[in-house]
Structures are given as structure tokens and as C-alpha cells.
Amino acid sequence: MKRIIYNLTALVFACVYLGSCSDEEVIGAQSLSVASFYPTIVMEGIEVTVTGTALETVNEVVFPGGVTTGEITKIDERTLKVITPAGVSEVESALVLKSENVEVASRQTIREAKPTFLSYQFTEKDGAMTGTGMTINGKDLLLVEDVVFILGDNSLTIHALEMTRKSNTAIKLTLPQDTPVGEAVQVTISFKNGAEMALPAIDIQKGSGGGSWVQQEVPIYSEEPVDVGSWANSLQIAATAFADAKLDDLIRVYISDCGDNAQGSLKNGSTWAGLLPELEYFDIIGMADIGYYEQTVTEEILSQLQESGLIVSGQNYVIQKVSLFTSVWVAGGDEELTDPITPQTIMLNDFEEHDGHNSSWDHSWSDAEATEFPVDDKGNVYLHLVKPLDGWLLNCNHQDIGTISGIENYVIKFDLKIDTGTMGASEAAMQIVLADKWLWIGPGLFPETTDGKWITVSRNISDLSADLVGDLEIGMLNNGLYGDKIPQGLCIDNLRLDPKK
């Protein structure tokens, strides 16, 4: 009897032990899951990228309408790519992944795209004209790859990367000077899978001039700094901030106080998954010296930003500001692209001999030999930087400006021309000095190029400092531009204040 009891006891312990081992193996294994996928509207033949866990086990993907495919490329356990089969439903539903014994559905939905044309819009009242902008309005345009203009044997193709902006409902572009000109120019859009759709023909006129691309920094977060701690805090930016973003724009996160093992993170504002798998977390220690990290906007990223917004997080650093660097087409041919000087303009720094201003006073305090003062064919005197500079670019404190009421309702501006071939202008870390108040901007005040033209750079006072409100006594206090790593080849004129429009 005792032997039987002992044997039963041993059997019980053995069962418990074996059961425990089995449980540990299940707990330690990654289960199949879907974190995100792109794109969320598809056409036959379009590749869909899926991120999640245990994706190496997937052997079948089910699209809306019950259409299945096994045409899968497994990148690793966290990423796979699948080709969209024919017959996907227009009614959105989850994407379903199947392995041998497990089936999971995504939180996102996916559907068949049905591209539709609605209307044209033109920036000129006379209609389509070379050197000016136009918009194609419609539905499900996200997968458009090219817009083609055809007149007889003459054709011109504008690729996605050359479009001013592309979203699911609108394609904005600028008609180049070599666009076919005439009546009934055919317009065709082609998609990523090779499909084409003819749009209504348009009449295109020859414009009077061309234009140029001007890079602009658009702050999308410039409020209180955010200390992310150890993945404890994050910054969420709404999708509306990216409404005008386009392919090849640049997201820049300005950072400070980088600690040990500092990591950045750029995530989907809805799913909290990385905008790309490699953006879920990444080291930023090496970026502490330049003061920012940045990411180019790809088509996959653009769709997520405009649908869900952005989450900036990570560990062991402080978020100071987030900006979007975008290129804007400015029409104008040979005309200069500067804002006018009006009777309401308050001039802070100029180089002509008037009102106490002149080039012998208003040059760099840091290195006068770094500047020269050419005179253009209109008799205008401007500052030209002839060698790299760290310090004062220009300054003025010898004319009584007086007191300005409602300073928060003003814009500070200056005119800028960058010599062709100049490198590194956008990297100059700049500050604007107004009435002895130092307003930090950092890199991005200057664009990388102005295509050899004069442009106007402007910043709202209210965006630069929340403390600048009410009356500001400028008097004969210092006004100017100060910075580091300023390259030679910059031309500056007319530092001024204008009422905000």
C-alpha cells in the first residue's frame, strides 16, 4: 500500500513539473500580432507592409471580402510584405493574418481604392499656366505615382517626388516651363500598380515667368520643453499640423540635456507603433552636439502623419521644439520674391545713408572684415558675407526706434539672398536680437538655397516669445542677427518689423 501511495505521489509531482515546463515555453514565446500596416487603401498588385510580432509564422493573409493570398515576403519576425490580390472589397474591414494555429485581426482597417476625379483648381484666375500651381481634387488619390500632360507628340511627366503635395483627396503641383502649351492638353494619372486613369483635358497657357523652390521651416511645436524621462513622457502632435506636408519634407526634433543611453522615437499618433520599424527607438547620443535629430518624410510616413499625427518620445533627453522643413514653390520669373517696404514698416537695420543708418555702423561687431557692402543696379546697399562667421552677422543700436505698442501683433523680417553654390546655410544656428532680447531659433532660419534670388524671411513675434506682449521699448537698444557656423555667401538687407496680416 505504501509503495502505491509513493508511486502516486511521484506521478503527481512529475505531472506538475511537466506542466510547469510547458507553461514556461508558451509564456516565453512571442504571440502573433499586428501593430500596423501601410497603405490602408490598396489596388491589385500594390505591396502592403505589415509590422507586428511573430510574423515569420504567417502563411496566409485575408483581405476585405474574404480574398486570401499566400504571396508573402517575410523580412523578419517583425515585418512582412504582401501583394494585394484581385477582388478586395471597397468596404473597409480588418486585415487578417493566419498562421498554422492562430488567426489575428488588425485594429486598422483596409479597403480597395476607387480613385475618382472631382475637379481642377488653378492658382491663376485665367486657368492653367506654366510656372503656376494647380490642384487635382478627387478621392483615393494616395496611390498616384505620376501625372502626365500630353499634346500631340509632346509630353511631360511629373513624378510623386516632384509634386508640391499629395494626399488622398488632392494632388498639388506646379506646371514647369516645358509643360505642353495649347488647347485640350490631355491629362493622365498613373498609379503604383501601373494602372492609368484619364482626366478631363485642359487648356494650358505660357506663363510670363518661372519661379523657384524656397525652403521654409514651419514650427509644429514650440511651447514648453518636454522632458521625456525614461519613456515616461511624450509629445503628441495632431494630424492637422501635417496637412500641407509632402514627400521629401524633413521632420526635425530639437533636443537638449541628452543623458546616458538617450534614445529618440517617432511613432504613429494612433497606434503608437514606429512610423517605420527602425523609428520605434534609436540612439541619439551622437546627435547631442548638433542639437537635433531628423527624419525624411517618405510616402509611408506621410500617410500616417496626415491620418494619425505624430508621437515624439524616447528616453533621457528634452524635446525643445519640433519643426517641419518644407519647400514652397514661389512663382515669379526674374522678379524678386521679397515683401514690400510699406509706410507701416519699422526699419531696424538698413545700410543706406538715411535716418542714422549706414554701412560703416551696421556691420558685424564680431568681424568687420567678414562683410562687404555692394550696391545693386537699383542703388540699393546690402551686406554680403565674404567669409564664414561665428558671432554678430549684423547689428544696430544707434537710432532711436521708440516704443512699439502690441509687439505680439508684429512680424520680424529681413531680406536674404544666398549665392549659388553656398553650402550649409540651413545649418547655421541663429538668434534674432530685438531690443536686447535674445530670441533663439537655432538651425533653419536660413533656407539652404534661394536659387540666387532675394527672398524675405519672416517670423511672428508671438511664435518667438510668449513674453513679448504689449508695449516694447526699443529705443536705442541692440537689434540684429547673431549665430554660429554662418557660411560665406549670404546677403542680408532690411531687418524690419511689419504688422501681422
Protein backbone atom coordinates (compact mmCIF):
# COMPACT_ATOMS: atom_id res chain seq x y z
CA MET A 1 0.00 0.00 0.00
CA LYS A 2 2.80 2.42 0.94
CA ARG A 3 4.53 1.66 -2.37
CA ILE A 4 1.33 2.53 -4.27
CA ILE A 5 0.99 5.83 -2.37
CA TYR A 6 4.63 6.70 -3.03
CA ASN A 7 4.20 5.92 -6.72
CA LEU A 8 1.05 8.09 -6.95
CA THR A 9 2.84 10.95 -5.21
CA ALA A 10 5.76 10.74 -7.62
CA LEU A 11 3.36 10.71 -10.56
CA VAL A 12 1.60 13.86 -9.30
CA PHE A 13 4.91 15.73 -8.89
CA ALA A 14 6.00 14.60 -12.34
CA CYS A 15 2.78 15.91 -13.88
CA VAL A 16 3.15 19.25 -12.10
CA TYR A 17 6.76 19.55 -13.22
CA LEU A 18 5.98 18.71 -16.82
CA GLY A 19 3.00 21.08 -16.85
CA SER A 20 5.16 23.89 -15.50
CA CYS A 21 7.77 23.43 -18.21
CA SER A 22 5.07 23.58 -20.90
CA ASP A 23 3.60 26.78 -19.43
CA GLU A 24 7.02 28.46 -19.38
CA GLU A 25 7.58 27.64 -23.03
CA VAL A 26 4.23 29.26 -24.01
CA ILE A 27 4.80 32.33 -21.85
CA GLY A 28 8.28 32.87 -23.28
CA ALA A 29 7.13 32.63 -26.90
CA GLN A 30 6.08 35.71 -28.93
CA SER A 31 2.45 35.52 -29.99
CA LEU A 32 1.23 36.57 -33.41
CA SER A 33 0.05 40.20 -33.50
CA VAL A 34 -0.41 43.13 -35.92
CA ALA A 35 0.93 46.54 -34.87
CA SER A 36 0.33 48.49 -38.08
CA PHE A 37 0.36 48.30 -41.86
CA TYR A 38 0.62 50.62 -44.87
CA PRO A 39 -1.08 51.59 -47.11
CA THR A 40 -4.63 51.44 -45.78
CA ILE A 41 -6.21 51.71 -49.22
CA VAL A 42 -4.98 49.34 -51.92
CA MET A 43 -5.29 48.28 -55.52
CA GLU A 44 -4.48 44.93 -57.12
CA GLY A 45 -0.71 44.40 -57.19
CA ILE A 46 0.08 47.01 -54.52
CA GLU A 47 2.57 45.91 -51.85
CA VAL A 48 1.39 46.19 -48.23
CA THR A 49 3.97 46.37 -45.42
CA VAL A 50 2.85 44.87 -42.11
CA THR A 51 4.61 45.22 -38.74
CA GLY A 52 3.91 43.20 -35.59
CA THR A 53 5.27 40.16 -33.76
CA ALA A 54 5.85 36.53 -34.76
CA LEU A 55 5.17 37.45 -38.38
CA GLU A 56 7.57 34.75 -39.56
CA THR A 57 4.79 32.25 -38.73
CA VAL A 58 2.22 33.80 -41.10
CA ASN A 59 1.30 31.70 -44.12
CA GLU A 60 -1.90 33.43 -45.27
CA VAL A 61 -3.33 36.97 -45.33
CA VAL A 62 -7.05 37.69 -45.69
CA PHE A 63 -8.20 40.98 -47.22
CA PRO A 64 -11.72 42.52 -47.03
CA GLY A 65 -14.25 40.45 -48.91
CA GLY A 66 -12.58 37.22 -47.80
CA VAL A 67 -9.92 37.38 -50.52
CA THR A 68 -6.83 35.45 -49.42
CA THR A 69 -3.23 35.33 -50.60
CA GLY A 70 -0.09 33.45 -49.71
CA GLU A 71 2.15 35.77 -51.79
CA ILE A 72 4.11 36.89 -48.72
CA THR A 73 7.69 38.08 -48.25
CA LYS A 74 8.84 37.65 -44.65
CA ILE A 75 11.51 40.22 -43.81
CA ASP A 76 11.94 39.10 -40.19
CA GLU A 77 9.77 38.28 -37.18
CA ARG A 78 8.56 41.90 -37.03
CA THR A 79 7.96 42.78 -40.70
CA LEU A 80 6.38 41.17 -43.74
CA LYS A 81 5.25 42.36 -47.16
CA VAL A 82 2.23 41.04 -49.03
CA ILE A 83 0.94 41.72 -52.56
CA THR A 84 -2.71 42.77 -52.78
CA PRO A 85 -4.77 40.20 -54.71
CA ALA A 86 -7.64 40.97 -57.08
CA GLY A 87 -11.19 41.33 -55.78
CA VAL A 88 -10.61 43.17 -52.50
CA SER A 89 -13.82 44.75 -51.19
CA GLU A 90 -14.46 48.52 -51.20
CA VAL A 91 -15.98 48.12 -47.73
CA GLU A 92 -13.23 48.64 -45.16
CA SER A 93 -12.52 45.94 -42.60
CA ALA A 94 -9.60 44.45 -40.70
CA LEU A 95 -6.61 42.76 -42.29
CA VAL A 96 -6.43 39.16 -41.03
CA LEU A 97 -3.19 37.21 -40.60
CA LYS A 98 -3.18 33.43 -40.27
CA SER A 99 -0.50 31.04 -39.10
CA GLU A 100 -0.86 27.28 -38.63
CA ASN A 101 -2.91 27.50 -35.43
CA VAL A 102 -3.52 31.22 -34.85
CA GLU A 103 -5.59 33.93 -36.54
CA VAL A 104 -5.37 37.64 -35.65
CA ALA A 105 -7.14 40.74 -36.99
CA SER A 106 -5.69 44.26 -37.18
CA ARG A 107 -7.07 47.28 -35.37
CA GLN A 108 -6.60 49.34 -38.54
CA THR A 109 -8.91 48.81 -41.49
CA ILE A 110 -8.09 48.38 -45.16
CA ARG A 111 -10.14 48.58 -48.36
CA GLU A 112 -9.96 48.65 -52.14
CA ALA A 113 -9.25 52.13 -53.54
CA LYS A 114 -11.68 53.56 -56.07
CA PRO A 115 -9.92 56.64 -57.48
CA THR A 116 -12.33 59.38 -58.51
CA PHE A 117 -11.73 62.76 -60.19
CA LEU A 118 -13.76 65.70 -58.86
CA SER A 119 -12.30 69.00 -60.10
CA TYR A 120 -9.31 71.14 -61.06
CA GLN A 121 -8.21 74.27 -59.23
CA PHE A 122 -5.68 76.79 -60.54
CA THR A 123 -3.71 79.46 -58.70
CA GLU A 124 -4.19 81.88 -61.61
CA LYS A 125 -7.67 83.22 -62.35
CA ASP A 126 -7.02 82.70 -66.08
CA GLY A 127 -6.56 78.95 -65.58
CA ALA A 128 -3.63 76.62 -66.16
CA MET A 129 -0.38 78.45 -66.89
CA THR A 130 3.25 77.32 -66.90
CA GLY A 131 5.15 78.42 -63.81
CA THR A 132 2.00 78.45 -61.68
CA GLY A 133 0.18 75.95 -59.49
CA MET A 134 -2.76 73.65 -59.99
CA THR A 135 -4.62 71.11 -57.86
CA ILE A 136 -6.34 67.87 -58.86
CA ASN A 137 -9.17 67.21 -56.41
CA GLY A 138 -10.63 63.75 -56.01
CA LYS A 139 -10.93 60.65 -53.87
CA ASP A 140 -8.47 57.81 -53.22
CA LEU A 141 -5.54 59.57 -54.89
CA LEU A 142 -2.93 58.35 -52.41
CA LEU A 143 -1.53 55.71 -54.77
CA VAL A 144 -0.95 58.12 -57.68
CA GLU A 145 2.65 57.84 -58.90
CA ASP A 146 2.71 60.22 -61.90
CA VAL A 147 0.73 62.97 -63.60
CA VAL A 148 1.30 63.15 -67.37
CA PHE A 149 0.45 66.05 -69.72
CA ILE A 150 0.25 65.17 -73.44
CA LEU A 151 -0.30 67.34 -76.52
CA GLY A 152 0.42 65.60 -79.81
CA ASP A 153 3.97 64.22 -79.68
CA ASN A 154 4.91 66.44 -76.76
CA SER A 155 4.54 65.13 -73.21
CA LEU A 156 5.76 65.89 -69.71
CA THR A 157 5.63 63.66 -66.62
CA ILE A 158 5.56 64.94 -63.04
CA HIS A 159 6.57 62.24 -60.57
CA ALA A 160 5.29 61.94 -56.99
CA LEU A 161 8.51 63.34 -55.51
CA GLU A 162 8.13 66.45 -57.70
CA MET A 163 4.58 67.21 -56.56
CA THR A 164 4.05 70.09 -54.16
CA ARG A 165 1.76 67.92 -52.08
CA LYS A 166 -0.07 64.62 -52.45
CA SER A 167 -2.84 63.39 -50.16
CA ASN A 168 -5.79 61.05 -50.56
CA THR A 169 -8.04 63.89 -51.72
CA ALA A 170 -5.75 66.32 -53.57
CA ILE A 171 -2.61 66.49 -55.70
CA LYS A 172 -0.92 69.89 -55.80
CA LEU A 173 1.77 70.58 -58.38
CA THR A 174 3.49 73.36 -60.28
CA LEU A 175 3.41 73.33 -64.08
CA PRO A 176 7.05 73.55 -65.28
CA GLN A 177 8.00 75.91 -68.09
CA ASP A 178 8.35 72.98 -70.51
CA THR A 179 4.78 71.72 -69.96
CA PRO A 180 2.96 71.30 -73.32
CA VAL A 181 1.13 74.53 -74.13
CA GLY A 182 -2.11 74.67 -76.11
CA GLU A 183 -5.76 73.72 -76.12
CA ALA A 184 -7.13 70.37 -74.94
CA VAL A 185 -3.94 69.09 -73.33
CA GLN A 186 -4.57 65.51 -72.19
CA VAL A 187 -4.04 64.76 -68.50
CA THR A 188 -3.45 61.21 -67.26
CA ILE A 189 -2.64 59.93 -63.79
CA SER A 190 -0.86 56.61 -63.26
CA PHE A 191 -0.80 54.52 -60.10
CA LYS A 192 1.81 52.44 -58.31
CA ASN A 193 0.48 49.23 -59.83
CA GLY A 194 0.72 50.60 -63.38
CA ALA A 195 -2.99 51.35 -63.82
CA GLU A 196 -3.89 54.62 -65.55
CA MET A 197 -6.87 56.98 -65.44
CA ALA A 198 -7.61 59.74 -67.97
CA LEU A 199 -8.75 63.08 -66.58
CA PRO A 200 -10.57 65.89 -68.43
CA ALA A 201 -8.36 67.79 -70.90
CA ILE A 202 -7.29 71.34 -70.02
CA ASP A 203 -6.04 74.40 -71.89
CA ILE A 204 -2.55 75.45 -70.79
CA GLN A 205 -1.11 78.92 -71.47
CA LYS A 206 2.51 80.02 -71.45
CA GLY A 207 3.28 81.88 -68.22
CA SER A 208 5.21 85.13 -68.10
CA GLY A 209 7.97 83.70 -65.92
CA GLY A 210 9.15 80.79 -63.87
CA GLY A 211 9.69 80.56 -60.17
CA SER A 212 11.84 78.90 -57.57
CA TRP A 213 11.68 76.46 -54.68
CA VAL A 214 12.24 78.13 -51.33
CA GLN A 215 12.81 76.01 -48.24
CA GLN A 216 10.89 77.07 -45.14
CA GLU A 217 10.97 75.90 -41.55
CA VAL A 218 7.47 75.53 -40.13
CA PRO A 219 7.41 75.10 -36.32
CA ILE A 220 4.81 72.48 -35.36
CA TYR A 221 5.63 72.50 -31.64
CA SER A 222 7.37 75.43 -29.92
CA GLU A 223 5.80 75.59 -26.48
CA GLU A 224 7.22 74.38 -23.14
CA PRO A 225 10.10 71.87 -23.41
CA VAL A 226 9.14 68.24 -22.76
CA ASP A 227 11.43 66.09 -20.58
CA VAL A 228 10.72 62.56 -21.80
CA GLY A 229 12.38 60.95 -18.78
CA SER A 230 12.71 57.19 -19.12
CA TRP A 231 9.88 56.67 -21.64
CA ALA A 232 7.62 58.37 -19.10
CA ASN A 233 6.52 61.41 -21.13
CA SER A 234 5.81 62.04 -24.78
CA LEU A 235 4.74 64.82 -27.13
CA GLN A 236 1.66 64.26 -29.29
CA ILE A 237 1.20 66.41 -32.41
CA ALA A 238 -2.17 66.37 -34.18
CA ALA A 239 -2.60 65.32 -37.81
CA THR A 240 -3.72 68.86 -38.70
CA ALA A 241 -0.12 70.04 -38.23
CA PHE A 242 0.86 67.92 -41.25
CA ALA A 243 -1.98 68.93 -43.59
CA ASP A 244 0.43 70.63 -46.01
CA ALA A 245 3.34 68.22 -45.56
CA LYS A 246 4.63 66.46 -48.65
CA LEU A 247 7.08 63.80 -49.73
CA ASP A 248 10.73 64.55 -49.00
CA ASP A 249 9.95 67.11 -46.29
CA LEU A 250 12.04 66.87 -43.13
CA ILE A 251 10.85 66.43 -39.53
CA ARG A 252 13.40 67.90 -37.13
CA VAL A 253 13.24 67.38 -33.35
CA TYR A 254 15.40 69.88 -31.46
CA ILE A 255 16.89 68.28 -28.34
CA SER A 256 18.92 69.10 -25.23
CA ASP A 257 20.12 67.52 -21.97
CA CYS A 258 20.93 64.15 -23.52
CA GLY A 259 21.77 61.64 -20.78
CA ASP A 260 23.26 58.17 -20.85
CA ASN A 261 21.65 55.84 -23.39
CA ALA A 262 19.48 58.65 -24.80
CA GLN A 263 17.02 57.33 -27.38
CA GLY A 264 14.57 59.02 -29.72
CA SER A 265 11.28 57.68 -31.01
CA LEU A 266 8.86 58.74 -33.78
CA LYS A 267 5.52 56.93 -33.62
CA ASN A 268 2.11 56.80 -35.24
CA GLY A 269 -0.21 59.12 -33.31
CA SER A 270 -2.93 56.48 -33.15
CA THR A 271 -1.32 53.04 -32.91
CA TRP A 272 1.87 54.07 -31.05
CA ALA A 273 3.85 51.89 -33.44
CA GLY A 274 7.01 53.33 -35.01
CA LEU A 275 6.35 55.29 -38.20
CA LEU A 276 8.82 52.76 -39.57
CA PRO A 277 10.11 49.76 -37.59
CA GLU A 278 13.51 51.41 -37.17
CA LEU A 279 11.88 54.59 -35.77
CA GLU A 280 10.29 52.86 -32.77
CA TYR A 281 13.51 53.61 -30.86
CA PHE A 282 17.02 54.69 -31.92
CA ASP A 283 20.16 56.09 -30.31
CA ILE A 284 20.58 59.88 -30.32
CA ILE A 285 23.75 60.27 -28.24
CA GLY A 286 25.74 61.24 -31.32
CA MET A 287 23.22 63.96 -32.18
CA ALA A 288 23.59 65.90 -28.92
CA ASP A 289 26.32 68.15 -30.34
CA ILE A 290 24.25 69.34 -33.31
CA GLY A 291 21.15 69.72 -31.13
CA TYR A 292 18.56 67.80 -33.13
CA TYR A 293 17.57 64.57 -34.84
CA GLU A 294 15.54 64.42 -38.02
CA GLN A 295 13.67 62.14 -40.40
CA THR A 296 12.80 62.48 -44.08
CA VAL A 297 9.08 62.12 -44.85
CA THR A 298 8.52 59.07 -47.04
CA GLU A 299 5.20 58.12 -48.60
CA GLU A 300 4.59 55.58 -45.83
CA ILE A 301 5.32 58.19 -43.15
CA LEU A 302 3.28 60.92 -44.87
CA SER A 303 0.10 58.84 -44.89
CA GLN A 304 0.41 58.12 -41.16
CA LEU A 305 1.16 61.74 -40.25
CA GLN A 306 -1.84 63.07 -42.16
CA GLU A 307 -4.19 60.39 -40.81
CA SER A 308 -3.00 59.97 -37.21
CA GLY A 309 -0.43 62.64 -36.33
CA LEU A 310 2.90 62.09 -34.58
CA ILE A 311 4.11 60.97 -31.16
CA VAL A 312 7.65 62.02 -30.21
CA SER A 313 9.05 60.12 -27.23
CA GLY A 314 12.11 58.21 -26.05
CA GLN A 315 14.33 58.39 -23.00
CA ASN A 316 16.89 60.60 -21.28
CA TYR A 317 16.59 63.85 -23.24
CA VAL A 318 14.46 67.01 -23.51
CA ILE A 319 12.36 67.96 -26.55
CA GLN A 320 12.85 71.69 -27.17
CA LYS A 321 10.97 72.16 -30.44
CA VAL A 322 9.66 70.20 -33.44
CA SER A 323 9.70 71.67 -36.95
CA LEU A 324 8.79 70.63 -40.47
CA PHE A 325 11.19 71.74 -43.21
CA THR A 326 9.25 72.04 -46.44
CA SER A 327 9.97 73.50 -49.89
CA VAL A 328 7.49 76.02 -51.27
CA TRP A 329 7.29 76.93 -54.93
CA VAL A 330 7.20 80.69 -55.40
CA ALA A 331 6.26 81.90 -58.86
CA GLY A 332 7.92 84.99 -60.21
CA GLY A 333 10.36 84.51 -63.07
CA ASP A 334 13.08 87.11 -62.74
CA GLU A 335 11.13 89.18 -60.22
CA GLU A 336 12.49 89.33 -56.70
CA LEU A 337 10.47 87.46 -54.09
CA THR A 338 10.62 89.98 -51.26
CA ASP A 339 7.85 91.54 -49.22
CA PRO A 340 7.37 95.26 -49.92
CA ILE A 341 8.52 98.06 -47.62
CA THR A 342 5.32 99.92 -46.66
CA PRO A 343 4.50 103.07 -44.67
CA GLN A 344 3.73 100.77 -41.72
CA THR A 345 7.20 99.16 -41.84
CA ILE A 346 9.50 99.90 -38.89
CA MET A 347 13.11 99.66 -40.13
CA LEU A 348 15.51 98.24 -37.53
CA ASN A 349 18.64 97.89 -39.64
CA ASP A 350 19.45 99.18 -43.10
CA PHE A 351 22.63 100.11 -44.99
CA GLU A 352 21.69 103.21 -46.97
CA GLU A 353 22.66 106.66 -45.70
CA HIS A 354 19.38 107.68 -44.06
CA ASP A 355 17.90 108.10 -40.59
CA GLY A 356 21.22 107.31 -38.94
CA HIS A 357 21.74 104.04 -40.80
CA ASN A 358 24.80 103.32 -42.91
CA SER A 359 27.19 100.51 -43.70
CA SER A 360 30.03 101.93 -41.60
CA TRP A 361 27.90 101.48 -38.46
CA ASP A 362 25.70 98.50 -39.21
CA HIS A 363 28.24 95.77 -39.94
CA SER A 364 29.32 92.77 -37.87
CA TRP A 365 30.68 93.59 -34.42
CA SER A 366 32.39 90.19 -34.39
CA ASP A 367 34.45 90.52 -37.59
CA ALA A 368 34.06 93.61 -39.73
CA GLU A 369 36.36 92.09 -42.37
CA ALA A 370 33.83 89.29 -42.91
CA THR A 371 31.40 91.71 -44.56
CA GLU A 372 31.31 93.91 -47.61
CA PHE A 373 28.57 96.24 -48.84
CA PRO A 374 27.88 96.02 -52.59
CA VAL A 375 25.47 98.34 -54.40
CA ASP A 376 23.00 96.73 -56.81
CA ASP A 377 21.85 98.22 -60.12
CA LYS A 378 18.99 99.98 -58.33
CA GLY A 379 21.33 101.75 -55.93
CA ASN A 380 20.43 99.50 -53.00
CA VAL A 381 23.20 98.79 -50.48
CA TYR A 382 23.24 95.37 -48.78
CA LEU A 383 25.51 93.25 -46.58
CA HIS A 384 27.45 90.42 -48.24
CA LEU A 385 29.26 87.87 -46.06
CA VAL A 386 32.62 87.12 -47.68
CA LYS A 387 33.95 84.55 -45.19
CA PRO A 388 32.44 82.16 -42.60
CA LEU A 389 31.41 83.79 -39.34
CA ASP A 390 30.65 82.91 -35.72
CA GLY A 391 29.04 85.81 -33.86
CA TRP A 392 27.30 89.02 -34.90
CA LEU A 393 26.15 88.99 -38.53
CA LEU A 394 24.61 92.44 -38.30
CA ASN A 395 23.56 94.82 -35.54
CA CYS A 396 22.25 98.32 -34.94
CA ASN A 397 21.86 100.37 -31.74
CA HIS A 398 22.37 103.96 -32.80
CA GLN A 399 18.91 105.01 -33.93
CA ASP A 400 16.00 105.65 -31.56
CA ILE A 401 13.19 103.35 -32.68
CA GLY A 402 10.92 104.42 -29.83
CA THR A 403 8.20 102.25 -28.28
CA ILE A 404 6.01 99.82 -30.22
CA SER A 405 2.54 99.00 -28.91
CA GLY A 406 1.18 95.47 -29.25
CA ILE A 407 4.50 93.94 -30.26
CA GLU A 408 2.88 90.48 -30.33
CA ASN A 409 0.97 91.65 -33.42
CA TYR A 410 4.16 92.20 -35.45
CA VAL A 411 6.35 90.10 -37.71
CA ILE A 412 10.14 90.49 -37.77
CA LYS A 413 11.60 90.19 -41.27
CA PHE A 414 14.77 90.52 -43.28
CA ASP A 415 15.61 90.11 -46.95
CA LEU A 416 18.01 87.32 -47.87
CA LYS A 417 19.88 86.16 -50.95
CA ILE A 418 22.21 83.15 -50.89
CA ASP A 419 24.96 82.96 -53.51
CA THR A 420 24.70 79.98 -55.85
CA GLY A 421 26.93 77.15 -54.60
CA THR A 422 26.81 78.14 -50.93
CA MET A 423 26.63 75.10 -48.65
CA GLY A 424 25.37 74.81 -45.07
CA ALA A 425 23.15 77.90 -44.80
CA SER A 426 20.30 75.96 -43.19
CA GLU A 427 22.69 74.56 -40.56
CA ALA A 428 23.64 77.99 -39.14
CA ALA A 429 22.40 78.19 -35.53
CA MET A 430 20.83 81.65 -35.31
CA GLN A 431 19.35 84.07 -32.81
CA ILE A 432 17.38 87.22 -33.52
CA VAL A 433 18.15 90.08 -31.15
CA LEU A 434 15.30 92.56 -30.61
CA ALA A 435 15.64 95.35 -28.05
CA ASP A 436 18.39 93.41 -26.24
CA LYS A 437 16.13 90.34 -26.05
CA TRP A 438 17.79 87.23 -27.45
CA LEU A 439 15.30 85.07 -29.36
CA TRP A 440 16.72 81.60 -30.04
CA ILE A 441 15.84 79.99 -33.35
CA GLY A 442 18.70 77.59 -33.99
CA PRO A 443 19.28 75.94 -37.39
CA GLY A 444 16.68 76.52 -40.09
CA LEU A 445 16.28 80.31 -40.01
CA PHE A 446 18.06 80.42 -43.37
CA PRO A 447 16.96 78.07 -46.17
CA GLU A 448 19.66 76.01 -47.84
CA THR A 449 19.25 77.99 -51.06
CA THR A 450 17.30 80.89 -52.56
CA ASP A 451 18.29 79.99 -56.14
CA GLY A 452 20.28 83.22 -56.29
CA LYS A 453 17.17 85.36 -55.71
CA TRP A 454 16.23 87.78 -52.96
CA ILE A 455 13.51 86.44 -50.66
CA THR A 456 12.00 87.64 -47.39
CA VAL A 457 12.48 85.55 -44.23
CA SER A 458 9.90 86.26 -41.53
CA ARG A 459 8.91 85.06 -38.06
CA ASN A 460 5.90 86.04 -35.97
CA ILE A 461 6.97 87.73 -32.74
CA SER A 462 4.29 85.72 -30.92
CA ASP A 463 5.94 82.48 -32.11
CA LEU A 464 9.39 83.55 -30.91
CA SER A 465 8.48 84.54 -27.36
CA ALA A 466 5.31 84.36 -25.28
CA ASP A 467 6.74 87.12 -23.08
CA LEU A 468 6.82 89.74 -25.83
CA VAL A 469 3.39 91.33 -25.44
CA GLY A 470 2.09 94.86 -25.03
CA ASP A 471 4.45 97.82 -25.28
CA LEU A 472 8.07 97.15 -26.23
CA GLU A 473 10.54 99.99 -25.77
CA ILE A 474 13.22 99.51 -28.40
CA GLY A 475 14.78 102.96 -28.22
CA MET A 476 18.50 102.60 -28.98
CA LEU A 477 18.82 99.03 -27.70
CA ASN A 478 20.53 96.33 -29.75
CA ASN A 479 18.79 94.76 -32.74
CA GLY A 480 20.41 92.27 -35.10
CA LEU A 481 21.28 88.70 -36.07
CA TYR A 482 23.76 86.52 -34.18
CA GLY A 483 24.78 82.94 -34.87
CA ASP A 484 27.30 80.14 -35.25
CA LYS A 485 28.56 78.33 -38.36
CA ILE A 486 27.29 81.03 -40.73
CA PRO A 487 28.74 80.27 -44.18
CA GLN A 488 30.05 82.89 -46.56
CA GLY A 489 27.81 83.79 -49.46
CA LEU A 490 24.84 85.20 -47.53
CA CYS A 491 23.41 88.61 -48.46
CA ILE A 492 21.23 90.41 -45.90
CA ASP A 493 19.17 93.62 -46.01
CA ASN A 494 16.25 95.42 -44.37
CA LEU A 495 15.87 93.95 -40.87
CA ARG A 496 12.42 95.27 -40.01
CA LEU A 497 9.07 94.92 -38.28
CA ASP A 498 5.74 94.78 -40.12
CA PRO A 499 2.21 94.48 -38.71
CA LYS A 500 0.96 90.91 -38.81
CA LYS A 501 -1.60 90.38 -41.57
